[in-house]
């Protein structure tokens, strides 16, 4: 993708979806953090199914601590790797209560110090909860960035750094959502739905997949 194509690429994505957001359901920064922590190697649909039961009962760090490990596991056992995720979430809640006054921190360093929170999770929280122009490169963003030629890279960090350089400032906050949604529903791994894409004229991928 040529540099001069990047702005119209994002302008077209914005026109198609002016106010994109995460598909994880949450009402507070803590609920978002918990949902993202639970979402590793799981679908947003599966996480939402569990958190719709969990959050009304325990939507704060202290409330989750009060559940206890087995109690928490009972709510999230439908999610893959739930035992490991339950331990990480419990320890994260303990740290939030003891070191942060139950408030989700707003820096990458503090977020990544929490159990189970890596760079991608931290970027999601910083972007979605706090409006920072971060780029959480998941499998969808990685694929779209390489396939379109927007930000080629051999690993997620390389793609992230390329995107931070190439995405125009006006689109920086929302670009993470547009790219995820494009990859999830249109630019799919096995058979991209090029005939449904709103930005095919800017994409390096050839040959484009024809409509069935």
N, C-alpha and C. Protein backbone atom coordinates (compact mmCIF):
# COMPACT_ATOMS: atom_id res chain seq x y z
N UNK A 1 0.85 -1.19 0.00
CA UNK A 1 0.00 0.00 0.00
C UNK A 1 0.89 1.25 0.00
N UNK A 2 0.65 2.12 -0.95
CA UNK A 2 1.43 3.34 -1.05
C UNK A 2 1.03 4.32 0.05
N UNK A 3 1.97 5.16 0.43
CA UNK A 3 1.73 6.12 1.51
C UNK A 3 0.51 6.99 1.22
N UNK A 4 0.36 7.42 -0.02
CA UNK A 4 -0.75 8.31 -0.35
C UNK A 4 -2.11 7.60 -0.32
N UNK A 5 -2.10 6.28 -0.23
CA UNK A 5 -3.35 5.53 -0.17
C UNK A 5 -3.85 5.32 1.26
N UNK A 6 -3.01 5.58 2.24
CA UNK A 6 -3.36 5.26 3.63
C UNK A 6 -4.50 6.13 4.14
N UNK A 7 -4.44 7.42 3.87
CA UNK A 7 -5.51 8.31 4.37
C UNK A 7 -6.86 7.95 3.76
N UNK A 8 -6.97 7.79 2.44
CA UNK A 8 -8.28 7.39 1.90
C UNK A 8 -8.71 5.99 2.34
N UNK A 9 -7.76 5.10 2.62
CA UNK A 9 -8.07 3.77 3.15
C UNK A 9 -8.83 3.89 4.46
N UNK A 10 -8.31 4.70 5.39
CA UNK A 10 -8.98 4.86 6.67
C UNK A 10 -10.23 5.72 6.57
N UNK A 11 -10.23 6.67 5.64
CA UNK A 11 -11.43 7.49 5.44
C UNK A 11 -12.60 6.61 5.00
N UNK A 12 -12.32 5.63 4.16
CA UNK A 12 -13.37 4.72 3.70
C UNK A 12 -13.86 3.82 4.84
N UNK A 13 -12.93 3.35 5.68
CA UNK A 13 -13.33 2.53 6.83
C UNK A 13 -14.17 3.35 7.81
N UNK A 14 -13.80 4.62 7.99
CA UNK A 14 -14.56 5.49 8.89
C UNK A 14 -15.95 5.76 8.33
N UNK A 15 -16.04 5.99 7.04
CA UNK A 15 -17.35 6.26 6.42
C UNK A 15 -18.29 5.07 6.59
N UNK A 16 -17.73 3.87 6.53
CA UNK A 16 -18.55 2.66 6.66
C UNK A 16 -18.92 2.37 8.11
N UNK A 17 -18.10 2.85 9.05
CA UNK A 17 -18.33 2.58 10.47
C UNK A 17 -17.78 3.75 11.28
N UNK A 18 -18.56 4.83 11.41
CA UNK A 18 -18.05 6.07 12.03
C UNK A 18 -17.65 5.94 13.49
N UNK A 19 -18.29 5.04 14.24
CA UNK A 19 -18.01 4.94 15.68
C UNK A 19 -17.75 3.48 16.07
N UNK A 20 -16.61 2.94 15.68
CA UNK A 20 -16.33 1.53 15.98
C UNK A 20 -16.01 1.34 17.45
N UNK A 21 -16.25 0.14 17.94
CA UNK A 21 -15.91 -0.15 19.34
C UNK A 21 -15.61 -1.64 19.47
N UNK A 22 -15.07 -1.99 20.62
CA UNK A 22 -14.80 -3.40 20.89
C UNK A 22 -16.11 -4.18 20.98
N UNK A 23 -16.06 -5.46 20.65
CA UNK A 23 -17.24 -6.30 20.77
C UNK A 23 -17.33 -6.97 22.14
N UNK A 24 -16.32 -6.75 22.97
CA UNK A 24 -16.41 -7.20 24.36
C UNK A 24 -17.36 -6.28 25.12
N UNK A 25 -18.17 -6.85 25.99
CA UNK A 25 -19.15 -6.07 26.75
C UNK A 25 -18.56 -5.68 28.10
N UNK A 26 -18.67 -4.38 28.43
CA UNK A 26 -18.12 -3.88 29.69
C UNK A 26 -18.78 -2.55 30.02
N UNK A 27 -18.69 -2.12 31.27
CA UNK A 27 -19.22 -0.81 31.65
C UNK A 27 -18.18 0.04 32.37
N UNK A 28 -17.08 -0.55 32.80
CA UNK A 28 -16.03 0.19 33.52
C UNK A 28 -14.67 -0.25 33.01
N UNK A 29 -13.62 0.56 33.25
CA UNK A 29 -12.28 0.13 32.86
C UNK A 29 -11.89 -1.22 33.46
N UNK A 30 -12.31 -1.48 34.71
CA UNK A 30 -11.96 -2.76 35.30
C UNK A 30 -12.65 -3.91 34.58
N UNK A 31 -13.93 -3.76 34.26
CA UNK A 31 -14.63 -4.82 33.54
C UNK A 31 -13.98 -5.07 32.17
N UNK A 32 -13.53 -3.99 31.51
CA UNK A 32 -12.83 -4.16 30.24
C UNK A 32 -11.54 -4.94 30.44
N UNK A 33 -10.75 -4.54 31.45
CA UNK A 33 -9.50 -5.25 31.73
C UNK A 33 -9.75 -6.73 31.98
N UNK A 34 -10.75 -7.03 32.80
CA UNK A 34 -11.07 -8.42 33.11
C UNK A 34 -11.50 -9.17 31.86
N UNK A 35 -12.33 -8.56 31.03
CA UNK A 35 -12.81 -9.21 29.81
C UNK A 35 -11.67 -9.49 28.84
N UNK A 36 -10.77 -8.52 28.68
CA UNK A 36 -9.65 -8.72 27.76
C UNK A 36 -8.72 -9.80 28.29
N UNK A 37 -8.50 -9.81 29.60
CA UNK A 37 -7.66 -10.84 30.21
C UNK A 37 -8.24 -12.23 29.95
N UNK A 38 -9.57 -12.33 30.00
CA UNK A 38 -10.23 -13.61 29.78
C UNK A 38 -10.30 -14.00 28.30
N UNK A 39 -10.06 -13.04 27.41
CA UNK A 39 -10.31 -13.27 25.98
C UNK A 39 -9.18 -13.95 25.24
N UNK A 40 -8.01 -14.13 25.87
CA UNK A 40 -6.89 -14.77 25.18
C UNK A 40 -7.29 -16.16 24.71
N UNK A 41 -7.06 -16.44 23.43
CA UNK A 41 -7.41 -17.73 22.83
C UNK A 41 -8.88 -18.09 23.06
N UNK A 42 -9.73 -17.09 23.09
CA UNK A 42 -11.17 -17.30 23.23
C UNK A 42 -11.88 -16.28 22.34
N UNK A 43 -13.14 -16.51 22.06
CA UNK A 43 -13.90 -15.56 21.25
C UNK A 43 -14.57 -14.52 22.14
N UNK A 44 -14.81 -13.35 21.56
CA UNK A 44 -15.53 -12.32 22.30
C UNK A 44 -16.92 -12.81 22.69
N UNK A 45 -17.55 -13.59 21.81
CA UNK A 45 -18.88 -14.12 22.10
C UNK A 45 -18.84 -15.00 23.34
N UNK A 46 -17.84 -15.86 23.42
CA UNK A 46 -17.71 -16.74 24.58
C UNK A 46 -17.42 -15.99 25.86
N UNK A 47 -16.57 -14.97 25.77
CA UNK A 47 -16.26 -14.16 26.95
C UNK A 47 -17.49 -13.40 27.41
N UNK A 48 -18.22 -12.80 26.48
CA UNK A 48 -19.42 -12.05 26.84
C UNK A 48 -20.45 -12.94 27.53
N UNK A 49 -20.57 -14.16 27.07
CA UNK A 49 -21.52 -15.10 27.67
C UNK A 49 -21.20 -15.31 29.15
N UNK A 50 -19.91 -15.41 29.46
CA UNK A 50 -19.49 -15.62 30.85
C UNK A 50 -19.60 -14.34 31.68
N UNK A 51 -19.17 -13.22 31.11
CA UNK A 51 -19.15 -11.98 31.91
C UNK A 51 -20.55 -11.41 32.13
N UNK A 52 -21.51 -11.78 31.30
CA UNK A 52 -22.89 -11.35 31.56
C UNK A 52 -23.40 -11.93 32.87
N UNK A 53 -22.86 -13.06 33.26
CA UNK A 53 -23.21 -13.67 34.55
C UNK A 53 -22.30 -13.16 35.66
N UNK A 54 -21.02 -12.98 35.33
CA UNK A 54 -20.04 -12.60 36.35
C UNK A 54 -20.16 -11.16 36.81
N UNK A 55 -20.18 -10.22 35.88
CA UNK A 55 -20.08 -8.80 36.24
C UNK A 55 -21.22 -8.28 37.11
N UNK A 56 -22.47 -8.70 36.91
CA UNK A 56 -23.52 -8.22 37.82
C UNK A 56 -23.31 -8.66 39.26
N UNK A 57 -22.60 -9.76 39.44
CA UNK A 57 -22.32 -10.29 40.78
C UNK A 57 -21.00 -9.75 41.32
N UNK A 58 -20.01 -9.67 40.44
CA UNK A 58 -18.67 -9.24 40.85
C UNK A 58 -18.05 -8.40 39.75
N UNK A 59 -18.29 -7.10 39.81
CA UNK A 59 -17.80 -6.19 38.79
C UNK A 59 -16.68 -5.28 39.26
N UNK A 60 -16.11 -5.57 40.44
CA UNK A 60 -14.99 -4.79 40.97
C UNK A 60 -13.90 -5.75 41.44
N UNK A 61 -12.67 -5.26 41.59
CA UNK A 61 -11.60 -6.14 42.06
C UNK A 61 -11.92 -6.79 43.40
N UNK A 62 -12.44 -6.02 44.35
CA UNK A 62 -12.73 -6.59 45.66
C UNK A 62 -13.84 -7.62 45.59
N UNK A 63 -14.85 -7.37 44.77
CA UNK A 63 -15.96 -8.32 44.65
C UNK A 63 -15.48 -9.65 44.07
N UNK A 64 -14.54 -9.60 43.13
CA UNK A 64 -14.00 -10.85 42.58
C UNK A 64 -13.15 -11.56 43.62
N UNK A 65 -12.37 -10.81 44.40
CA UNK A 65 -11.61 -11.44 45.49
C UNK A 65 -12.55 -12.12 46.48
N UNK A 66 -13.68 -11.48 46.73
CA UNK A 66 -14.65 -12.04 47.68
C UNK A 66 -15.26 -13.35 47.17
N UNK A 67 -15.31 -13.51 45.85
CA UNK A 67 -15.84 -14.76 45.29
C UNK A 67 -14.95 -15.95 45.64
N UNK A 68 -13.64 -15.68 45.71
CA UNK A 68 -12.70 -16.77 45.88
C UNK A 68 -12.40 -17.43 44.55
N UNK A 69 -11.31 -18.18 44.51
CA UNK A 69 -10.87 -18.78 43.25
C UNK A 69 -11.91 -19.74 42.68
N UNK A 70 -12.42 -20.64 43.50
CA UNK A 70 -13.41 -21.60 43.00
C UNK A 70 -14.69 -20.92 42.56
N UNK A 71 -15.08 -19.89 43.28
CA UNK A 71 -16.28 -19.16 42.90
C UNK A 71 -16.12 -18.49 41.55
N UNK A 72 -14.94 -17.88 41.33
CA UNK A 72 -14.66 -17.24 40.04
C UNK A 72 -14.64 -18.27 38.93
N UNK A 73 -14.00 -19.41 39.18
CA UNK A 73 -13.93 -20.45 38.15
C UNK A 73 -15.32 -20.91 37.72
N UNK A 74 -16.25 -20.92 38.66
CA UNK A 74 -17.61 -21.34 38.33
C UNK A 74 -18.27 -20.45 37.29
N UNK A 75 -17.89 -19.17 37.29
CA UNK A 75 -18.48 -18.23 36.33
C UNK A 75 -17.80 -18.28 34.96
N UNK A 76 -16.53 -18.66 34.93
CA UNK A 76 -15.77 -18.55 33.67
C UNK A 76 -15.35 -19.90 33.11
N UNK A 77 -15.89 -20.98 33.63
CA UNK A 77 -15.42 -22.31 33.22
C UNK A 77 -15.75 -22.66 31.78
N UNK A 78 -16.62 -21.89 31.14
CA UNK A 78 -16.92 -22.13 29.72
C UNK A 78 -15.86 -21.53 28.81
N UNK A 79 -14.92 -20.76 29.38
CA UNK A 79 -13.86 -20.11 28.60
C UNK A 79 -12.61 -20.98 28.62
N UNK A 80 -11.93 -21.09 27.49
CA UNK A 80 -10.70 -21.87 27.43
C UNK A 80 -9.65 -21.38 28.41
N UNK A 81 -8.87 -22.31 28.95
CA UNK A 81 -7.80 -22.00 29.90
C UNK A 81 -8.32 -21.28 31.14
N UNK A 82 -9.55 -21.61 31.55
CA UNK A 82 -10.19 -20.83 32.60
C UNK A 82 -9.48 -20.91 33.95
N UNK A 83 -8.83 -22.03 34.24
CA UNK A 83 -8.15 -22.13 35.54
C UNK A 83 -6.97 -21.16 35.63
N UNK A 84 -6.17 -21.12 34.58
CA UNK A 84 -5.04 -20.19 34.55
C UNK A 84 -5.53 -18.75 34.55
N UNK A 85 -6.57 -18.48 33.78
CA UNK A 85 -7.11 -17.12 33.72
C UNK A 85 -7.71 -16.70 35.05
N UNK A 86 -8.35 -17.63 35.75
CA UNK A 86 -8.92 -17.32 37.07
C UNK A 86 -7.82 -16.94 38.05
N UNK A 87 -6.73 -17.68 38.05
CA UNK A 87 -5.61 -17.37 38.95
C UNK A 87 -5.02 -16.00 38.63
N UNK A 88 -4.83 -15.73 37.34
CA UNK A 88 -4.28 -14.44 36.94
C UNK A 88 -5.22 -13.29 37.31
N UNK A 89 -6.51 -13.48 37.09
CA UNK A 89 -7.47 -12.42 37.41
C UNK A 89 -7.55 -12.18 38.91
N UNK A 90 -7.51 -13.24 39.70
CA UNK A 90 -7.53 -13.08 41.16
C UNK A 90 -6.30 -12.31 41.63
N UNK A 91 -5.13 -12.66 41.11
CA UNK A 91 -3.90 -11.98 41.52
C UNK A 91 -3.90 -10.53 41.03
N UNK A 92 -4.41 -10.32 39.82
CA UNK A 92 -4.54 -8.95 39.31
C UNK A 92 -5.44 -8.12 40.21
N UNK A 93 -6.56 -8.70 40.64
CA UNK A 93 -7.48 -7.99 41.53
C UNK A 93 -6.81 -7.66 42.86
N UNK A 94 -6.02 -8.59 43.38
CA UNK A 94 -5.32 -8.34 44.64
C UNK A 94 -4.36 -7.16 44.50
N UNK A 95 -3.61 -7.13 43.41
CA UNK A 95 -2.67 -6.04 43.17
C UNK A 95 -3.41 -4.71 42.99
N UNK A 96 -4.52 -4.74 42.25
CA UNK A 96 -5.29 -3.51 42.05
C UNK A 96 -5.79 -2.96 43.38
N UNK A 97 -6.28 -3.84 44.25
CA UNK A 97 -6.78 -3.40 45.56
C UNK A 97 -5.65 -2.89 46.44
N UNK A 98 -4.55 -3.63 46.50
CA UNK A 98 -3.48 -3.31 47.44
C UNK A 98 -2.57 -2.18 46.97
N UNK A 99 -2.39 -2.06 45.65
CA UNK A 99 -1.40 -1.10 45.15
C UNK A 99 -1.99 0.06 44.36
N UNK A 100 -3.23 -0.08 43.91
CA UNK A 100 -3.80 0.95 43.03
C UNK A 100 -5.15 1.47 43.49
N UNK A 101 -5.53 1.17 44.72
CA UNK A 101 -6.82 1.64 45.21
C UNK A 101 -7.99 1.15 44.40
N UNK A 102 -7.86 -0.04 43.84
CA UNK A 102 -8.90 -0.67 43.00
C UNK A 102 -9.14 0.04 41.67
N UNK A 103 -8.23 0.94 41.32
CA UNK A 103 -8.35 1.70 40.07
C UNK A 103 -7.41 1.10 39.02
N UNK A 104 -7.90 0.92 37.81
CA UNK A 104 -7.07 0.40 36.72
C UNK A 104 -6.03 1.45 36.33
N UNK A 105 -4.75 1.11 36.35
CA UNK A 105 -3.71 2.10 36.00
C UNK A 105 -3.78 2.50 34.53
N UNK A 106 -3.22 3.67 34.25
CA UNK A 106 -3.29 4.23 32.90
C UNK A 106 -1.96 4.21 32.17
N UNK A 107 -0.98 3.47 32.67
CA UNK A 107 0.30 3.38 31.98
C UNK A 107 0.56 1.94 31.55
N UNK A 108 1.27 1.80 30.45
CA UNK A 108 1.59 0.47 29.95
C UNK A 108 2.41 -0.32 30.96
N UNK A 109 3.38 0.34 31.59
CA UNK A 109 4.26 -0.35 32.53
C UNK A 109 3.47 -0.95 33.69
N UNK A 110 2.56 -0.18 34.26
CA UNK A 110 1.77 -0.67 35.39
C UNK A 110 0.80 -1.76 34.96
N UNK A 111 0.23 -1.62 33.78
CA UNK A 111 -0.69 -2.65 33.29
C UNK A 111 0.05 -3.96 33.02
N UNK A 112 1.21 -3.87 32.38
CA UNK A 112 1.95 -5.08 32.05
C UNK A 112 2.54 -5.76 33.28
N UNK A 113 2.56 -5.07 34.41
CA UNK A 113 3.02 -5.68 35.65
C UNK A 113 1.94 -6.58 36.27
N UNK A 114 0.73 -6.51 35.75
CA UNK A 114 -0.37 -7.32 36.27
C UNK A 114 -0.32 -8.73 35.67
N UNK A 115 -0.59 -9.77 36.46
CA UNK A 115 -0.54 -11.14 35.97
C UNK A 115 -1.50 -11.38 34.80
N UNK A 116 -0.98 -11.99 33.75
CA UNK A 116 -1.82 -12.29 32.59
C UNK A 116 -2.01 -11.14 31.63
N UNK A 117 -1.41 -10.00 31.94
CA UNK A 117 -1.55 -8.81 31.08
C UNK A 117 -0.26 -8.59 30.30
N UNK A 118 -0.31 -8.83 29.00
CA UNK A 118 0.83 -8.58 28.14
C UNK A 118 0.65 -7.28 27.37
N UNK A 119 1.50 -7.08 26.41
CA UNK A 119 1.48 -5.83 25.65
C UNK A 119 0.15 -5.63 24.92
N UNK A 120 -0.37 -6.70 24.31
CA UNK A 120 -1.62 -6.56 23.56
C UNK A 120 -2.78 -6.18 24.47
N UNK A 121 -2.90 -6.87 25.60
CA UNK A 121 -3.98 -6.56 26.55
C UNK A 121 -3.85 -5.13 27.06
N UNK A 122 -2.63 -4.73 27.39
CA UNK A 122 -2.41 -3.36 27.86
C UNK A 122 -2.82 -2.35 26.80
N UNK A 123 -2.48 -2.63 25.56
CA UNK A 123 -2.84 -1.72 24.47
C UNK A 123 -4.34 -1.60 24.31
N UNK A 124 -5.06 -2.71 24.45
CA UNK A 124 -6.53 -2.66 24.34
C UNK A 124 -7.10 -1.76 25.43
N UNK A 125 -6.65 -1.95 26.66
CA UNK A 125 -7.17 -1.16 27.78
C UNK A 125 -6.84 0.32 27.59
N UNK A 126 -5.60 0.61 27.23
CA UNK A 126 -5.20 2.00 27.03
C UNK A 126 -6.02 2.66 25.92
N UNK A 127 -6.29 1.92 24.87
CA UNK A 127 -7.04 2.46 23.74
C UNK A 127 -8.52 2.59 24.03
N UNK A 128 -9.14 1.49 24.47
CA UNK A 128 -10.59 1.45 24.59
C UNK A 128 -11.08 2.18 25.84
N UNK A 129 -10.41 1.97 26.96
CA UNK A 129 -10.86 2.59 28.21
C UNK A 129 -10.42 4.03 28.34
N UNK A 130 -9.21 4.33 27.83
CA UNK A 130 -8.63 5.64 28.10
C UNK A 130 -8.35 6.48 26.85
N UNK A 131 -8.73 5.98 25.67
CA UNK A 131 -8.64 6.77 24.46
C UNK A 131 -7.25 7.07 23.97
N UNK A 132 -6.28 6.25 24.35
CA UNK A 132 -4.91 6.46 23.89
C UNK A 132 -4.72 5.80 22.52
N UNK A 133 -3.91 6.40 21.65
CA UNK A 133 -3.73 5.89 20.28
C UNK A 133 -2.77 4.70 20.22
N UNK A 134 -3.13 3.62 20.91
CA UNK A 134 -2.30 2.42 20.89
C UNK A 134 -2.84 1.43 19.86
N UNK A 135 -2.04 0.43 19.55
CA UNK A 135 -2.42 -0.54 18.53
C UNK A 135 -2.22 -1.95 19.07
N UNK A 136 -3.30 -2.62 19.40
CA UNK A 136 -3.23 -3.98 19.93
C UNK A 136 -3.28 -4.96 18.76
N UNK A 137 -2.14 -5.48 18.37
CA UNK A 137 -2.06 -6.32 17.18
C UNK A 137 -2.43 -7.77 17.52
N UNK A 138 -3.64 -8.15 17.13
CA UNK A 138 -4.07 -9.53 17.27
C UNK A 138 -3.91 -10.23 15.92
N UNK A 139 -4.41 -11.45 15.82
CA UNK A 139 -4.25 -12.20 14.57
C UNK A 139 -4.93 -11.51 13.39
N UNK A 140 -6.05 -10.81 13.66
CA UNK A 140 -6.76 -10.13 12.57
C UNK A 140 -5.97 -8.92 12.06
N UNK A 141 -5.50 -8.09 12.97
CA UNK A 141 -4.73 -6.92 12.57
C UNK A 141 -3.42 -7.33 11.89
N UNK A 142 -2.79 -8.38 12.42
CA UNK A 142 -1.55 -8.87 11.82
C UNK A 142 -1.79 -9.29 10.37
N UNK A 143 -2.86 -10.02 10.15
CA UNK A 143 -3.18 -10.50 8.79
C UNK A 143 -3.52 -9.35 7.86
N UNK A 144 -4.40 -8.45 8.29
CA UNK A 144 -4.82 -7.33 7.46
C UNK A 144 -3.64 -6.43 7.12
N UNK A 145 -2.80 -6.15 8.10
CA UNK A 145 -1.66 -5.26 7.90
C UNK A 145 -0.69 -5.82 6.87
N UNK A 146 -0.46 -7.13 6.92
CA UNK A 146 0.44 -7.76 5.96
C UNK A 146 -0.21 -7.96 4.60
N UNK A 147 -1.45 -8.40 4.59
CA UNK A 147 -2.12 -8.71 3.33
C UNK A 147 -2.36 -7.46 2.49
N UNK A 148 -2.78 -6.39 3.13
CA UNK A 148 -3.06 -5.15 2.39
C UNK A 148 -1.79 -4.40 2.02
N UNK A 149 -0.71 -4.67 2.76
CA UNK A 149 0.51 -3.89 2.57
C UNK A 149 0.54 -2.63 3.41
N UNK A 150 -0.46 -2.47 4.30
CA UNK A 150 -0.52 -1.29 5.15
C UNK A 150 0.68 -1.20 6.07
N UNK A 151 1.00 -2.31 6.74
CA UNK A 151 2.11 -2.31 7.69
C UNK A 151 2.70 -3.71 7.77
N UNK A 152 3.46 -4.12 6.78
CA UNK A 152 4.02 -5.47 6.78
C UNK A 152 5.01 -5.67 7.94
N UNK A 153 5.00 -6.87 8.49
CA UNK A 153 5.94 -7.18 9.56
C UNK A 153 5.94 -8.66 9.86
N UNK A 154 7.06 -9.16 10.39
CA UNK A 154 7.19 -10.60 10.64
C UNK A 154 6.59 -11.03 11.97
N UNK A 155 6.36 -10.08 12.86
CA UNK A 155 5.78 -10.43 14.17
C UNK A 155 4.89 -9.28 14.62
N UNK A 156 4.05 -9.52 15.64
CA UNK A 156 3.09 -8.49 16.07
C UNK A 156 3.73 -7.16 16.46
N UNK A 157 4.88 -7.19 17.13
CA UNK A 157 5.51 -5.94 17.54
C UNK A 157 5.97 -5.14 16.32
N UNK A 158 6.54 -5.83 15.33
CA UNK A 158 6.98 -5.14 14.12
C UNK A 158 5.80 -4.48 13.41
N UNK A 159 4.67 -5.19 13.35
CA UNK A 159 3.47 -4.63 12.73
C UNK A 159 2.96 -3.44 13.55
N UNK A 160 2.95 -3.59 14.86
CA UNK A 160 2.49 -2.50 15.73
C UNK A 160 3.30 -1.23 15.50
N UNK A 161 4.62 -1.36 15.47
CA UNK A 161 5.49 -0.19 15.30
C UNK A 161 5.30 0.44 13.93
N UNK A 162 5.09 -0.40 12.91
CA UNK A 162 4.82 0.12 11.57
C UNK A 162 3.50 0.89 11.54
N UNK A 163 2.48 0.33 12.17
CA UNK A 163 1.17 0.99 12.20
C UNK A 163 1.26 2.32 12.92
N UNK A 164 1.99 2.37 14.02
CA UNK A 164 2.11 3.62 14.77
C UNK A 164 2.76 4.71 13.92
N UNK A 165 3.60 4.30 12.99
CA UNK A 165 4.25 5.26 12.09
C UNK A 165 3.33 5.67 10.93
N UNK A 166 2.55 4.72 10.42
CA UNK A 166 1.85 4.94 9.16
C UNK A 166 0.40 5.41 9.29
N UNK A 167 -0.25 5.10 10.42
CA UNK A 167 -1.65 5.50 10.56
C UNK A 167 -1.74 7.00 10.83
N UNK A 168 -2.50 7.75 10.03
CA UNK A 168 -2.63 9.19 10.25
C UNK A 168 -3.21 9.49 11.63
N UNK A 169 -2.75 10.58 12.23
CA UNK A 169 -3.16 10.93 13.59
C UNK A 169 -4.68 11.01 13.75
N UNK A 170 -5.35 11.51 12.73
CA UNK A 170 -6.81 11.68 12.82
C UNK A 170 -7.54 10.35 12.98
N UNK A 171 -6.89 9.25 12.61
CA UNK A 171 -7.54 7.94 12.67
C UNK A 171 -6.90 7.03 13.73
N UNK A 172 -5.94 7.56 14.48
CA UNK A 172 -5.11 6.72 15.35
C UNK A 172 -5.91 5.99 16.43
N UNK A 173 -6.86 6.67 17.06
CA UNK A 173 -7.58 6.06 18.18
C UNK A 173 -8.50 4.94 17.71
N UNK A 174 -9.17 5.12 16.58
CA UNK A 174 -10.16 4.13 16.13
C UNK A 174 -9.60 3.08 15.17
N UNK A 175 -8.39 3.29 14.68
CA UNK A 175 -7.86 2.39 13.64
C UNK A 175 -7.77 0.94 14.11
N UNK A 176 -7.47 0.74 15.38
CA UNK A 176 -7.39 -0.60 15.96
C UNK A 176 -8.70 -1.36 15.75
N UNK A 177 -9.83 -0.69 16.00
CA UNK A 177 -11.14 -1.34 15.84
C UNK A 177 -11.45 -1.62 14.37
N UNK A 178 -11.19 -0.66 13.51
CA UNK A 178 -11.50 -0.86 12.09
C UNK A 178 -10.74 -2.05 11.52
N UNK A 179 -9.47 -2.17 11.88
CA UNK A 179 -8.66 -3.25 11.34
C UNK A 179 -9.09 -4.61 11.88
N UNK A 180 -9.43 -4.67 13.17
CA UNK A 180 -9.92 -5.93 13.74
C UNK A 180 -11.21 -6.37 13.05
N UNK A 181 -12.15 -5.44 12.92
CA UNK A 181 -13.44 -5.78 12.32
C UNK A 181 -13.29 -6.17 10.86
N UNK A 182 -12.39 -5.48 10.15
CA UNK A 182 -12.13 -5.83 8.76
C UNK A 182 -11.59 -7.25 8.65
N UNK A 183 -10.66 -7.59 9.54
CA UNK A 183 -10.09 -8.93 9.52
C UNK A 183 -11.05 -10.01 9.98
N UNK A 184 -11.86 -9.68 10.96
CA UNK A 184 -12.78 -10.68 11.53
C UNK A 184 -13.91 -11.04 10.57
N UNK A 185 -14.44 -10.05 9.86
CA UNK A 185 -15.65 -10.29 9.07
C UNK A 185 -15.46 -10.27 7.55
N UNK A 186 -14.40 -9.64 7.09
CA UNK A 186 -14.21 -9.51 5.64
C UNK A 186 -12.88 -10.12 5.18
N UNK A 187 -11.80 -9.63 5.71
CA UNK A 187 -10.46 -10.07 5.28
C UNK A 187 -10.06 -11.32 6.07
N UNK A 188 -10.85 -12.37 5.91
CA UNK A 188 -10.68 -13.58 6.70
C UNK A 188 -9.50 -14.41 6.21
N UNK A 189 -9.01 -15.29 7.08
CA UNK A 189 -7.76 -15.99 6.81
C UNK A 189 -7.82 -16.89 5.58
N UNK A 190 -8.79 -17.79 5.53
CA UNK A 190 -8.79 -18.80 4.48
C UNK A 190 -9.34 -18.28 3.15
N UNK A 191 -10.41 -17.51 3.23
CA UNK A 191 -11.02 -17.00 2.01
C UNK A 191 -11.52 -15.58 2.25
N UNK A 192 -10.67 -14.59 1.97
CA UNK A 192 -11.09 -13.20 2.19
C UNK A 192 -12.30 -12.85 1.32
N UNK A 193 -13.22 -12.13 1.93
CA UNK A 193 -14.46 -11.77 1.24
C UNK A 193 -14.27 -10.42 0.53
N UNK A 194 -13.38 -10.44 -0.45
CA UNK A 194 -12.99 -9.21 -1.13
C UNK A 194 -14.18 -8.48 -1.75
N UNK A 195 -15.18 -9.24 -2.17
CA UNK A 195 -16.35 -8.63 -2.81
C UNK A 195 -17.18 -7.80 -1.83
N UNK A 196 -16.96 -7.99 -0.53
CA UNK A 196 -17.68 -7.21 0.47
C UNK A 196 -16.83 -6.06 1.03
N UNK A 197 -15.59 -5.99 0.62
CA UNK A 197 -14.64 -5.03 1.21
C UNK A 197 -14.90 -3.61 0.71
N UNK A 198 -14.75 -2.64 1.61
CA UNK A 198 -14.96 -1.23 1.24
C UNK A 198 -13.65 -0.56 0.82
N UNK A 199 -12.53 -1.29 0.91
CA UNK A 199 -11.23 -0.68 0.56
C UNK A 199 -10.41 -1.53 -0.41
N UNK A 200 -11.01 -2.25 -1.34
CA UNK A 200 -10.22 -3.14 -2.21
C UNK A 200 -9.24 -2.40 -3.11
N UNK A 201 -9.59 -1.16 -3.46
CA UNK A 201 -8.74 -0.41 -4.38
C UNK A 201 -7.41 0.00 -3.75
N UNK A 202 -7.31 -0.09 -2.43
CA UNK A 202 -6.06 0.29 -1.75
C UNK A 202 -5.25 -0.92 -1.29
N UNK A 203 -5.76 -2.11 -1.53
CA UNK A 203 -5.18 -3.34 -0.99
C UNK A 203 -4.24 -4.00 -1.99
N UNK A 204 -3.08 -4.48 -1.48
CA UNK A 204 -2.08 -5.13 -2.33
C UNK A 204 -2.42 -6.58 -2.66
N UNK A 205 -3.39 -7.16 -1.96
CA UNK A 205 -3.68 -8.59 -2.12
C UNK A 205 -4.22 -8.89 -3.52
N UNK A 206 -3.60 -9.86 -4.16
CA UNK A 206 -4.05 -10.31 -5.48
C UNK A 206 -3.89 -11.83 -5.58
N UNK A 207 -4.77 -12.50 -6.34
CA UNK A 207 -5.96 -11.91 -6.95
C UNK A 207 -7.08 -11.77 -5.92
N UNK A 208 -7.90 -10.77 -6.09
CA UNK A 208 -9.03 -10.56 -5.20
C UNK A 208 -10.01 -11.74 -5.31
N UNK A 209 -10.60 -12.12 -4.20
CA UNK A 209 -11.56 -13.22 -4.20
C UNK A 209 -12.87 -12.75 -4.83
N UNK A 210 -13.33 -13.44 -5.89
CA UNK A 210 -14.60 -13.03 -6.51
C UNK A 210 -15.79 -13.51 -5.69
N UNK A 211 -16.92 -12.88 -5.89
CA UNK A 211 -18.15 -13.32 -5.23
C UNK A 211 -18.52 -14.71 -5.73
N UNK A 212 -19.07 -15.51 -4.86
CA UNK A 212 -19.43 -16.88 -5.23
C UNK A 212 -20.57 -16.88 -6.25
